[in-house]
Amino acid sequence: MLSLRHLSKSFGSRHVLEDVNFEVETGEIYGILGPNGAGKTTTINLICHLLNPDEGSIYLNAQPLTNRNKTLVGVAPQANLLYKHLTCWENLRFFAQLYGLSPQQQQQQCQYCLQAVKLSDRAHSLVSQLSGGMQRRLNLAIALLHLPKLLILDEPTSGLDIETRYDLWQLIRQLNQEGITILLSTHLLDEAEKLCDRLGILQQGKLIAEGSIEQLRDYINAQEIVTLRTPQEQNAIQRAKELGFSHRYYGGELAFWLPQPYELSEILDFFHNIPLESVSREPVKLEHIYLEITQQKTINN
């Protein structure tokens, strides 16, 4: 569906993207992860033809991206493209006209998109009267008006409460199940872990890792993460080294990589004679993988 080949972009002397390559397959949800300034928004702007690359090419359905085929792309930017003094229906009609839809198509698509994002009952409500979550859904509806094959979502749930985030996640899954390919840019790791089929991690303008969650797990030689609280951290680290366990600090808490799941009694035996205040166990998550990849790349650079 979408292919980025050797994409580079600079602003003056600042290299924002350097030789970025990835492909988004038809029917998948592909996630772009990375810290602020990694190049996520620049990548999206290049795909949307809002910027031109210094080097490299972008292909859509195996054809070079042009003004003609970019209509296959729908974009819901992080900043809502909404006129708050207009109603939901008026906003949709305005953008439908910009897309060049006929009056009949405008009527049909406005109804369809409001229904798709579950805002049919708010069609004649002013945008200023909508909650933040409803505004995000309307922003998404605008991106769907022209029936795109590829939907780009830039931080779709940023700043929303957890209930609203879950509602939008369900909507994104539904759109994908209906055949829409999705490129999702997010800094929320739980969002990426729950929604994305594959992920690309950007750091300082470079794609430093790519793959499914299972493929990215290879960066961590562990099946379980155990976090300990102890007044004798150095003793615990030394014991772990003797056992062949790697250690990391997550949020200031001491954690160990276990090569296989162990019973709690076994873990306590590993650290006998070391006072433990608490022990917690969890599977390897995307946050552990992400931190390992980005921190190791920073060290190596």
C-alpha atoms as a PDB file:
ATOM      1  CA  MET A   1       0.000   0.000   0.000  1.00  0.00           C
ATOM      2  CA  LEU A   2       2.661   2.522   1.094  1.00  0.00           C
ATOM      3  CA  SER A   3       6.411   2.364   0.555  1.00  0.00           C
ATOM      4  CA  LEU A   4       9.061   4.820   1.783  1.00  0.00           C
ATOM      5  CA  ARG A   5      12.431   4.355   0.110  1.00  0.00           C
ATOM      6  CA  HIS A   6      15.623   6.059   1.268  1.00  0.00           C
ATOM      7  CA  LEU A   7      13.710   9.076   2.520  1.00  0.00           C
ATOM      8  CA  SER A   8      15.767  12.017   3.819  1.00  0.00           C
ATOM      9  CA  LYS A   9      14.782  15.521   4.852  1.00  0.00           C
ATOM     10  CA  SER A  10      16.719  18.410   6.376  1.00  0.00           C
ATOM     11  CA  PHE A  11      15.798  21.891   7.511  1.00  0.00           C
ATOM     12  CA  GLY A  12      18.943  23.932   7.094  1.00  0.00           C
ATOM     13  CA  SER A  13      21.757  22.074   8.821  1.00  0.00           C
ATOM     14  CA  ARG A  14      19.376  19.960  10.905  1.00  0.00           C
ATOM     15  CA  HIS A  15      18.840  16.429   9.579  1.00  0.00           C
ATOM     16  CA  VAL A  16      15.256  15.452  10.455  1.00  0.00           C
ATOM     17  CA  LEU A  17      15.099  12.186   8.489  1.00  0.00           C
ATOM     18  CA  GLU A  18      18.028  10.101   7.242  1.00  0.00           C
ATOM     19  CA  ASP A  19      17.590   7.233   4.782  1.00  0.00           C
ATOM     20  CA  VAL A  20      14.252   6.019   6.171  1.00  0.00           C
ATOM     21  CA  ASN A  21      12.803   2.873   4.611  1.00  0.00           C
ATOM     22  CA  PHE A  22       9.598   1.063   5.544  1.00  0.00           C
ATOM     23  CA  GLU A  23       6.474  -0.385   3.974  1.00  0.00           C
ATOM     24  CA  VAL A  24       2.882  -0.450   5.144  1.00  0.00           C
ATOM     25  CA  GLU A  25       1.111  -3.540   3.850  1.00  0.00           C
ATOM     26  CA  THR A  26      -2.483  -3.431   2.663  1.00  0.00           C
ATOM     27  CA  GLY A  27      -4.915  -4.132   5.499  1.00  0.00           C
ATOM     28  CA  GLU A  28      -2.522  -3.684   8.417  1.00  0.00           C
ATOM     29  CA  ILE A  29      -2.129  -1.138  11.184  1.00  0.00           C
ATOM     30  CA  TYR A  30       1.459   0.105  11.133  1.00  0.00           C
ATOM     31  CA  GLY A  31       2.664   2.178  14.050  1.00  0.00           C
ATOM     32  CA  ILE A  32       5.389   4.819  14.108  1.00  0.00           C
ATOM     33  CA  LEU A  33       6.973   5.278  17.534  1.00  0.00           C
ATOM     34  CA  GLY A  34       9.595   7.690  18.715  1.00  0.00           C
ATOM     35  CA  PRO A  35      10.302  10.520  21.140  1.00  0.00           C
ATOM     36  CA  ASN A  36       9.481  14.138  20.364  1.00  0.00           C
ATOM     37  CA  GLY A  37      11.713  15.346  17.554  1.00  0.00           C
ATOM     38  CA  ALA A  38      12.304  11.842  16.173  1.00  0.00           C
ATOM     39  CA  GLY A  39      10.812  12.748  12.786  1.00  0.00           C
ATOM     40  CA  LYS A  40       7.310  11.262  13.050  1.00  0.00           C
ATOM     41  CA  THR A  41       5.428  14.420  12.013  1.00  0.00           C
ATOM     42  CA  THR A  42       7.890  15.167   9.212  1.00  0.00           C
ATOM     43  CA  THR A  43       7.360  11.652   7.883  1.00  0.00           C
ATOM     44  CA  ILE A  44       3.602  12.192   7.865  1.00  0.00           C
ATOM     45  CA  ASN A  45       3.938  15.583   6.174  1.00  0.00           C
ATOM     46  CA  LEU A  46       6.044  13.991   3.439  1.00  0.00           C
ATOM     47  CA  ILE A  47       3.493  11.220   2.893  1.00  0.00           C
ATOM     48  CA  CYS A  48       0.720  13.813   2.725  1.00  0.00           C
ATOM     49  CA  HIS A  49       2.697  15.734   0.093  1.00  0.00           C
ATOM     50  CA  LEU A  50       2.892  18.781   2.352  1.00  0.00           C
ATOM     51  CA  LEU A  51       6.704  18.608   2.157  1.00  0.00           C
ATOM     52  CA  ASN A  52       9.059  17.347  -0.512  1.00  0.00           C
ATOM     53  CA  PRO A  53      11.910  15.008   0.451  1.00  0.00           C
ATOM     54  CA  ASP A  54      15.510  16.017  -0.163  1.00  0.00           C
ATOM     55  CA  GLU A  55      16.208  12.452  -1.222  1.00  0.00           C
ATOM     56  CA  GLY A  56      14.211   9.280  -1.669  1.00  0.00           C
ATOM     57  CA  SER A  57      10.781   8.354  -2.955  1.00  0.00           C
ATOM     58  CA  ILE A  58       7.287   7.578  -1.687  1.00  0.00           C
ATOM     59  CA  TYR A  59       5.090   5.037  -3.444  1.00  0.00           C
ATOM     60  CA  LEU A  60       1.376   4.499  -3.030  1.00  0.00           C
ATOM     61  CA  ASN A  61      -0.070   1.306  -4.502  1.00  0.00           C
ATOM     62  CA  ALA A  62       3.262   0.795  -6.287  1.00  0.00           C
ATOM     63  CA  GLN A  63       2.964   4.201  -7.991  1.00  0.00           C
ATOM     64  CA  PRO A  64       4.997   7.336  -7.169  1.00  0.00           C
ATOM     65  CA  LEU A  65       3.078   9.659  -4.856  1.00  0.00           C
ATOM     66  CA  THR A  66       1.523  12.522  -6.820  1.00  0.00           C
ATOM     67  CA  ASN A  67      -1.298  15.025  -6.404  1.00  0.00           C
ATOM     68  CA  ARG A  68      -3.469  12.612  -8.355  1.00  0.00           C
ATOM     69  CA  ASN A  69      -3.114   9.493  -6.205  1.00  0.00           C
ATOM     70  CA  LYS A  70      -2.723  11.243  -2.852  1.00  0.00           C
ATOM     71  CA  THR A  71      -6.539  11.307  -2.745  1.00  0.00           C
ATOM     72  CA  LEU A  72      -6.223   7.667  -1.651  1.00  0.00           C
ATOM     73  CA  VAL A  73      -4.939   9.010   1.668  1.00  0.00           C
ATOM     74  CA  GLY A  74      -7.027  10.373   4.530  1.00  0.00           C
ATOM     75  CA  VAL A  75      -5.390  12.247   7.394  1.00  0.00           C
ATOM     76  CA  ALA A  76      -6.567  12.957  10.937  1.00  0.00           C
ATOM     77  CA  PRO A  77      -3.894  15.325  12.294  1.00  0.00           C
ATOM     78  CA  GLN A  78      -3.090  15.789  15.944  1.00  0.00           C
ATOM     79  CA  ALA A  79      -4.612  19.275  15.900  1.00  0.00           C
ATOM     80  CA  ASN A  80      -8.331  18.973  15.109  1.00  0.00           C
ATOM     81  CA  LEU A  81      -9.321  20.452  11.728  1.00  0.00           C
ATOM     82  CA  LEU A  82     -12.624  21.752  13.014  1.00  0.00           C
ATOM     83  CA  TYR A  83     -14.553  25.012  12.889  1.00  0.00           C
ATOM     84  CA  LYS A  84     -16.020  25.288  16.351  1.00  0.00           C
ATOM     85  CA  HIS A  85     -18.706  27.818  15.371  1.00  0.00           C
ATOM     86  CA  LEU A  86     -20.143  25.326  12.855  1.00  0.00           C
ATOM     87  CA  THR A  87     -22.147  22.179  13.524  1.00  0.00           C
ATOM     88  CA  CYS A  88     -20.795  18.688  12.914  1.00  0.00           C
ATOM     89  CA  TRP A  89     -22.818  18.437   9.715  1.00  0.00           C
ATOM     90  CA  GLU A  90     -21.638  21.841   8.482  1.00  0.00           C
ATOM     91  CA  ASN A  91     -18.024  20.906   9.118  1.00  0.00           C
ATOM     92  CA  LEU A  92     -18.405  17.695   7.152  1.00  0.00           C
ATOM     93  CA  ARG A  93     -20.207  19.418   4.262  1.00  0.00           C
ATOM     94  CA  PHE A  94     -17.486  22.048   4.060  1.00  0.00           C
ATOM     95  CA  PHE A  95     -14.692  19.485   3.804  1.00  0.00           C
ATOM     96  CA  ALA A  96     -16.744  17.294   1.447  1.00  0.00           C
ATOM     97  CA  GLN A  97     -16.939  20.253  -0.917  1.00  0.00           C
ATOM     98  CA  LEU A  98     -13.158  20.698  -0.678  1.00  0.00           C
ATOM     99  CA  TYR A  99     -12.780  17.044  -1.664  1.00  0.00           C
ATOM    100  CA  GLY A 100     -14.916  17.771  -4.731  1.00  0.00           C
ATOM    101  CA  LEU A 101     -17.758  15.431  -3.846  1.00  0.00           C
ATOM    102  CA  SER A 102     -21.042  15.919  -5.696  1.00  0.00           C
ATOM    103  CA  PRO A 103     -24.081  17.125  -3.705  1.00  0.00           C
ATOM    104  CA  GLN A 104     -25.440  13.577  -3.622  1.00  0.00           C
ATOM    105  CA  GLN A 105     -22.078  12.188  -2.495  1.00  0.00           C
ATOM    106  CA  GLN A 106     -21.826  14.894   0.150  1.00  0.00           C
ATOM    107  CA  GLN A 107     -25.170  13.878   1.628  1.00  0.00           C
ATOM    108  CA  GLN A 108     -24.332  10.187   1.582  1.00  0.00           C
ATOM    109  CA  GLN A 109     -20.805  10.524   2.931  1.00  0.00           C
ATOM    110  CA  CYS A 110     -21.689  12.955   5.705  1.00  0.00           C
ATOM    111  CA  GLN A 111     -24.347  10.547   6.941  1.00  0.00           C
ATOM    112  CA  TYR A 112     -22.011   7.568   6.615  1.00  0.00           C
ATOM    113  CA  CYS A 113     -19.115   9.242   8.430  1.00  0.00           C
ATOM    114  CA  LEU A 114     -21.244  10.523  11.287  1.00  0.00           C
ATOM    115  CA  GLN A 115     -22.639   7.030  11.722  1.00  0.00           C
ATOM    116  CA  ALA A 116     -19.154   5.474  11.503  1.00  0.00           C
ATOM    117  CA  VAL A 117     -17.864   7.616  14.380  1.00  0.00           C
ATOM    118  CA  LYS A 118     -21.125   7.351  16.348  1.00  0.00           C
ATOM    119  CA  LEU A 119     -22.060  11.023  16.146  1.00  0.00           C
ATOM    120  CA  SER A 120     -25.312  10.798  14.174  1.00  0.00           C
ATOM    121  CA  ASP A 121     -27.266  12.155  17.128  1.00  0.00           C
ATOM    122  CA  ARG A 122     -24.949  15.189  17.308  1.00  0.00           C
ATOM    123  CA  ALA A 123     -25.116  16.115  13.628  1.00  0.00           C
ATOM    124  CA  HIS A 124     -26.576  19.555  14.343  1.00  0.00           C
ATOM    125  CA  SER A 125     -24.599  20.300  17.512  1.00  0.00           C
ATOM    126  CA  LEU A 126     -21.990  23.020  17.414  1.00  0.00           C
ATOM    127  CA  VAL A 127     -18.465  21.669  17.638  1.00  0.00           C
ATOM    128  CA  SER A 128     -17.876  23.965  20.607  1.00  0.00           C
ATOM    129  CA  GLN A 129     -20.537  21.965  22.473  1.00  0.00           C
ATOM    130  CA  LEU A 130     -18.779  18.627  21.957  1.00  0.00           C
ATOM    131  CA  SER A 131     -16.470  16.905  24.407  1.00  0.00           C
ATOM    132  CA  GLY A 132     -12.814  16.439  23.518  1.00  0.00           C
ATOM    133  CA  GLY A 133     -13.432  12.818  22.579  1.00  0.00           C
ATOM    134  CA  MET A 134     -16.333  13.729  20.296  1.00  0.00           C
ATOM    135  CA  GLN A 135     -14.192  16.335  18.578  1.00  0.00           C
ATOM    136  CA  ARG A 136     -11.491  13.729  17.958  1.00  0.00           C
ATOM    137  CA  ARG A 137     -14.113  11.425  16.446  1.00  0.00           C
ATOM    138  CA  LEU A 138     -15.398  14.212  14.198  1.00  0.00           C
ATOM    139  CA  ASN A 139     -11.817  14.956  13.148  1.00  0.00           C
ATOM    140  CA  LEU A 140     -11.560  11.303  12.166  1.00  0.00           C
ATOM    141  CA  ALA A 141     -14.868  11.473  10.281  1.00  0.00           C
ATOM    142  CA  ILE A 142     -13.499  14.294   8.118  1.00  0.00           C
ATOM    143  CA  ALA A 143     -10.551  12.103   7.152  1.00  0.00           C
ATOM    144  CA  LEU A 144     -12.968   9.380   6.017  1.00  0.00           C
ATOM    145  CA  LEU A 145     -15.200  11.547   3.814  1.00  0.00           C
ATOM    146  CA  HIS A 146     -13.576  10.646   0.488  1.00  0.00           C
ATOM    147  CA  LEU A 147     -13.315   6.915   1.293  1.00  0.00           C
ATOM    148  CA  PRO A 148      -9.509   6.693   1.541  1.00  0.00           C
ATOM    149  CA  LYS A 149      -7.644   3.418   1.244  1.00  0.00           C
ATOM    150  CA  LEU A 150      -4.929   4.579   3.658  1.00  0.00           C
ATOM    151  CA  LEU A 151      -5.812   6.431   6.857  1.00  0.00           C
ATOM    152  CA  ILE A 152      -3.070   8.342   8.689  1.00  0.00           C
ATOM    153  CA  LEU A 153      -3.693   9.017  12.379  1.00  0.00           C
ATOM    154  CA  ASP A 154      -1.309  11.412  14.139  1.00  0.00           C
ATOM    155  CA  GLU A 155      -1.525  11.003  17.941  1.00  0.00           C
ATOM    156  CA  PRO A 156      -5.262  10.181  17.700  1.00  0.00           C
ATOM    157  CA  THR A 157      -5.899   9.880  21.453  1.00  0.00           C
ATOM    158  CA  SER A 158      -3.424  12.404  22.837  1.00  0.00           C
ATOM    159  CA  GLY A 159      -4.818  14.217  25.878  1.00  0.00           C
ATOM    160  CA  LEU A 160      -7.974  12.114  26.159  1.00  0.00           C
ATOM    161  CA  ASP A 161      -9.206  10.296  29.258  1.00  0.00           C
ATOM    162  CA  ILE A 162      -8.893   6.527  29.401  1.00  0.00           C
ATOM    163  CA  GLU A 163     -12.563   5.774  28.630  1.00  0.00           C
ATOM    164  CA  THR A 164     -12.496   7.972  25.519  1.00  0.00           C
ATOM    165  CA  ARG A 165      -9.203   6.434  24.429  1.00  0.00           C
ATOM    166  CA  TYR A 166     -10.732   2.950  24.625  1.00  0.00           C
ATOM    167  CA  ASP A 167     -13.706   4.105  22.533  1.00  0.00           C
ATOM    168  CA  LEU A 168     -11.390   5.456  19.844  1.00  0.00           C
ATOM    169  CA  TRP A 169      -9.293   2.290  19.888  1.00  0.00           C
ATOM    170  CA  GLN A 170     -12.434   0.287  19.204  1.00  0.00           C
ATOM    171  CA  LEU A 171     -13.321   2.629  16.328  1.00  0.00           C
ATOM    172  CA  ILE A 172      -9.822   2.322  14.838  1.00  0.00           C
ATOM    173  CA  ARG A 173     -10.030  -1.478  14.983  1.00  0.00           C
ATOM    174  CA  GLN A 174     -13.447  -1.388  13.347  1.00  0.00           C
ATOM    175  CA  LEU A 175     -12.226   0.813  10.478  1.00  0.00           C
ATOM    176  CA  ASN A 176      -9.293  -1.535   9.938  1.00  0.00           C
ATOM    177  CA  GLN A 177     -11.588  -4.573   9.920  1.00  0.00           C
ATOM    178  CA  GLU A 178     -13.642  -2.822   7.232  1.00  0.00           C
ATOM    179  CA  GLY A 179     -10.593  -2.806   4.973  1.00  0.00           C
ATOM    180  CA  ILE A 180      -8.852   0.496   5.684  1.00  0.00           C
ATOM    181  CA  THR A 181      -5.068   0.381   5.995  1.00  0.00           C
ATOM    182  CA  ILE A 182      -3.881   2.549   8.900  1.00  0.00           C
ATOM    183  CA  LEU A 183      -0.624   4.346   9.627  1.00  0.00           C
ATOM    184  CA  LEU A 184      -0.634   5.346  13.290  1.00  0.00           C
ATOM    185  CA  SER A 185       1.816   7.781  14.871  1.00  0.00           C
ATOM    186  CA  THR A 186       1.749   7.680  18.658  1.00  0.00           C
ATOM    187  CA  HIS A 187       3.891   8.124  21.749  1.00  0.00           C
ATOM    188  CA  LEU A 188       1.529   5.943  23.820  1.00  0.00           C
ATOM    189  CA  LEU A 189       3.159   2.535  24.011  1.00  0.00           C
ATOM    190  CA  ASP A 190       0.062   0.739  25.290  1.00  0.00           C
ATOM    191  CA  GLU A 191      -1.862   2.153  22.321  1.00  0.00           C
ATOM    192  CA  ALA A 192       0.733   0.854  19.876  1.00  0.00           C
ATOM    193  CA  GLU A 193       0.901  -2.524  21.605  1.00  0.00           C
ATOM    194  CA  LYS A 194      -2.860  -3.039  21.479  1.00  0.00           C
ATOM    195  CA  LEU A 195      -3.539  -1.729  17.969  1.00  0.00           C
ATOM    196  CA  CYS A 196      -0.551  -2.245  15.697  1.00  0.00           C
ATOM    197  CA  ASP A 197       0.371  -5.274  13.609  1.00  0.00           C
ATOM    198  CA  ARG A 198       3.882  -3.935  13.040  1.00  0.00           C
ATOM    199  CA  LEU A 199       5.940  -1.060  14.395  1.00  0.00           C
ATOM    200  CA  GLY A 200       8.733   1.179  13.225  1.00  0.00           C
ATOM    201  CA  ILE A 201      10.792   3.029  15.835  1.00  0.00           C
ATOM    202  CA  LEU A 202      12.293   6.373  14.844  1.00  0.00           C
ATOM    203  CA  GLN A 203      15.102   8.048  16.747  1.00  0.00           C
ATOM    204  CA  GLN A 204      16.916  11.189  15.642  1.00  0.00           C
ATOM    205  CA  GLY A 205      15.521  10.815  12.146  1.00  0.00           C
ATOM    206  CA  LYS A 206      16.573   7.200  11.664  1.00  0.00           C
ATOM    207  CA  LEU A 207      14.493   4.028  11.644  1.00  0.00           C
ATOM    208  CA  ILE A 208      16.342   2.037  14.290  1.00  0.00           C
ATOM    209  CA  ALA A 209      14.036  -1.002  14.571  1.00  0.00           C
ATOM    210  CA  GLU A 210      11.014  -2.473  12.823  1.00  0.00           C
ATOM    211  CA  GLY A 211       8.796  -5.516  13.127  1.00  0.00           C
ATOM    212  CA  SER A 212       5.903  -7.116  14.949  1.00  0.00           C
ATOM    213  CA  ILE A 213       5.836  -7.123  18.736  1.00  0.00           C
ATOM    214  CA  GLU A 214       7.047 -10.722  18.686  1.00  0.00           C
ATOM    215  CA  GLN A 215       9.918  -9.866  16.369  1.00  0.00           C
ATOM    216  CA  LEU A 216      10.930  -6.886  18.494  1.00  0.00           C
ATOM    217  CA  ARG A 217      10.995  -9.083  21.601  1.00  0.00           C
ATOM    218  CA  ASP A 218      14.294 -10.462  20.305  1.00  0.00           C
ATOM    219  CA  TYR A 219      15.919  -7.272  21.591  1.00  0.00           C
ATOM    220  CA  ILE A 220      15.290  -8.524  25.144  1.00  0.00           C
ATOM    221  CA  ASN A 221      16.647 -11.881  26.215  1.00  0.00           C
ATOM    222  CA  ALA A 222      13.904 -12.503  28.747  1.00  0.00           C
ATOM    223  CA  GLN A 223      10.451 -13.976  29.117  1.00  0.00           C
ATOM    224  CA  GLU A 224       9.587 -12.226  32.359  1.00  0.00           C
ATOM    225  CA  ILE A 225      10.534  -9.018  34.176  1.00  0.00           C
ATOM    226  CA  VAL A 226      10.851  -9.123  37.970  1.00  0.00           C
ATOM    227  CA  THR A 227      11.015  -5.858  39.920  1.00  0.00           C
ATOM    228  CA  LEU A 228      12.477  -5.884  43.418  1.00  0.00           C
ATOM    229  CA  ARG A 229      12.481  -3.325  46.178  1.00  0.00           C
ATOM    230  CA  THR A 230      15.343  -3.884  48.577  1.00  0.00           C
ATOM    231  CA  PRO A 231      17.643  -1.728  50.727  1.00  0.00           C
ATOM    232  CA  GLN A 232      20.531  -3.863  49.419  1.00  0.00           C
ATOM    233  CA  GLU A 233      20.322  -3.239  45.675  1.00  0.00           C
ATOM    234  CA  GLN A 234      24.001  -3.866  44.967  1.00  0.00           C
ATOM    235  CA  ASN A 235      23.828  -7.236  46.721  1.00  0.00           C
ATOM    236  CA  ALA A 236      20.759  -8.124  44.655  1.00  0.00           C
ATOM    237  CA  ILE A 237      22.537  -7.087  41.446  1.00  0.00           C
ATOM    238  CA  GLN A 238      25.570  -9.189  42.349  1.00  0.00           C
ATOM    239  CA  ARG A 239      23.346 -12.193  43.074  1.00  0.00           C
ATOM    240  CA  ALA A 240      21.583 -11.709  39.748  1.00  0.00           C
ATOM    241  CA  LYS A 241      24.916 -11.629  37.917  1.00  0.00           C
ATOM    242  CA  GLU A 242      25.837 -14.935  39.506  1.00  0.00           C
ATOM    243  CA  LEU A 243      22.550 -16.364  38.254  1.00  0.00           C
ATOM    244  CA  GLY A 244      23.071 -14.936  34.755  1.00  0.00           C
ATOM    245  CA  PHE A 245      20.217 -12.391  35.013  1.00  0.00           C
ATOM    246  CA  SER A 246      20.579  -8.960  33.421  1.00  0.00           C
ATOM    247  CA  HIS A 247      19.335  -5.953  35.386  1.00  0.00           C
ATOM    248  CA  ARG A 248      17.802  -2.638  34.376  1.00  0.00           C
ATOM    249  CA  TYR A 249      16.193   0.330  36.104  1.00  0.00           C
ATOM    250  CA  TYR A 250      12.651   1.187  35.009  1.00  0.00           C
ATOM    251  CA  GLY A 251      11.315   4.382  36.517  1.00  0.00           C
ATOM    252  CA  GLY A 252      14.018   4.203  39.157  1.00  0.00           C
ATOM    253  CA  GLU A 253      13.019   0.674  40.188  1.00  0.00           C
ATOM    254  CA  LEU A 254      15.432  -2.235  40.006  1.00  0.00           C
ATOM    255  CA  ALA A 255      14.310  -4.962  37.598  1.00  0.00           C
ATOM    256  CA  PHE A 256      15.780  -8.233  36.383  1.00  0.00           C
ATOM    257  CA  TRP A 257      15.356 -10.101  33.134  1.00  0.00           C
ATOM    258  CA  LEU A 258      14.446 -13.724  33.721  1.00  0.00           C
ATOM    259  CA  PRO A 259      15.093 -16.159  30.834  1.00  0.00           C
ATOM    260  CA  GLN A 260      11.978 -18.121  31.773  1.00  0.00           C
ATOM    261  CA  PRO A 261       9.011 -17.705  34.132  1.00  0.00           C
ATOM    262  CA  TYR A 262       9.679 -18.911  37.680  1.00  0.00           C
ATOM    263  CA  GLU A 263       7.399 -19.543  40.634  1.00  0.00           C
ATOM    264  CA  LEU A 264       7.433 -16.798  43.246  1.00  0.00           C
ATOM    265  CA  SER A 265       8.983 -19.206  45.743  1.00  0.00           C
ATOM    266  CA  GLU A 266      11.856 -19.846  43.320  1.00  0.00           C
ATOM    267  CA  ILE A 267      12.455 -16.105  42.874  1.00  0.00           C
ATOM    268  CA  LEU A 268      12.559 -15.636  46.648  1.00  0.00           C
ATOM    269  CA  ASP A 269      15.065 -18.484  46.894  1.00  0.00           C
ATOM    270  CA  PHE A 270      17.279 -16.794  44.285  1.00  0.00           C
ATOM    271  CA  PHE A 271      17.610 -13.761  46.568  1.00  0.00           C
ATOM    272  CA  HIS A 272      17.707 -15.513  49.949  1.00  0.00           C
ATOM    273  CA  ASN A 273      19.479 -13.598  52.708  1.00  0.00           C
ATOM    274  CA  ILE A 274      18.739 -10.334  50.876  1.00  0.00           C
ATOM    275  CA  PRO A 275      15.917  -8.368  52.540  1.00  0.00           C
ATOM    276  CA  LEU A 276      13.084  -7.791  50.068  1.00  0.00           C
ATOM    277  CA  GLU A 277      10.390  -5.172  50.591  1.00  0.00           C
ATOM    278  CA  SER A 278       8.372  -6.191  47.528  1.00  0.00           C
ATOM    279  CA  VAL A 279       8.517  -8.422  44.474  1.00  0.00           C
ATOM    280  CA  SER A 280       6.454  -7.932  41.311  1.00  0.00           C
ATOM    281  CA  ARG A 281       6.382  -9.942  38.098  1.00  0.00           C
ATOM    282  CA  GLU A 282       5.177  -9.027  34.625  1.00  0.00           C
ATOM    283  CA  PRO A 283       5.642 -10.242  31.062  1.00  0.00           C
ATOM    284  CA  VAL A 284       7.922  -8.389  28.686  1.00  0.00           C
ATOM    285  CA  LYS A 285       5.969  -5.394  27.383  1.00  0.00           C
ATOM    286  CA  LEU A 286       6.487  -2.955  24.552  1.00  0.00           C
ATOM    287  CA  GLU A 287       7.729  -0.339  27.023  1.00  0.00           C
ATOM    288  CA  HIS A 288      10.631  -2.614  27.998  1.00  0.00           C
ATOM    289  CA  ILE A 289      11.421  -3.335  24.341  1.00  0.00           C
ATOM    290  CA  TYR A 290      11.183   0.328  23.351  1.00  0.00           C
ATOM    291  CA  LEU A 291      13.465   1.491  26.145  1.00  0.00           C
ATOM    292  CA  GLU A 292      16.040  -1.201  25.344  1.00  0.00           C
ATOM    293  CA  ILE A 293      16.117  -0.332  21.652  1.00  0.00           C
ATOM    294  CA  THR A 294      16.274   3.438  22.067  1.00  0.00           C
ATOM    295  CA  GLN A 295      18.743   3.425  24.948  1.00  0.00           C
ATOM    296  CA  GLN A 296      21.103   0.941  23.304  1.00  0.00           C
ATOM    297  CA  LYS A 297      21.086   2.933  20.057  1.00  0.00           C
ATOM    298  CA  THR A 298      21.864   6.106  22.024  1.00  0.00           C
ATOM    299  CA  ILE A 299      24.794   4.389  23.782  1.00  0.00           C
ATOM    300  CA  ASN A 300      26.119   2.944  20.506  1.00  0.00           C
ATOM    301  CA  ASN A 301      25.949   6.323  18.786  1.00  0.00           C
END
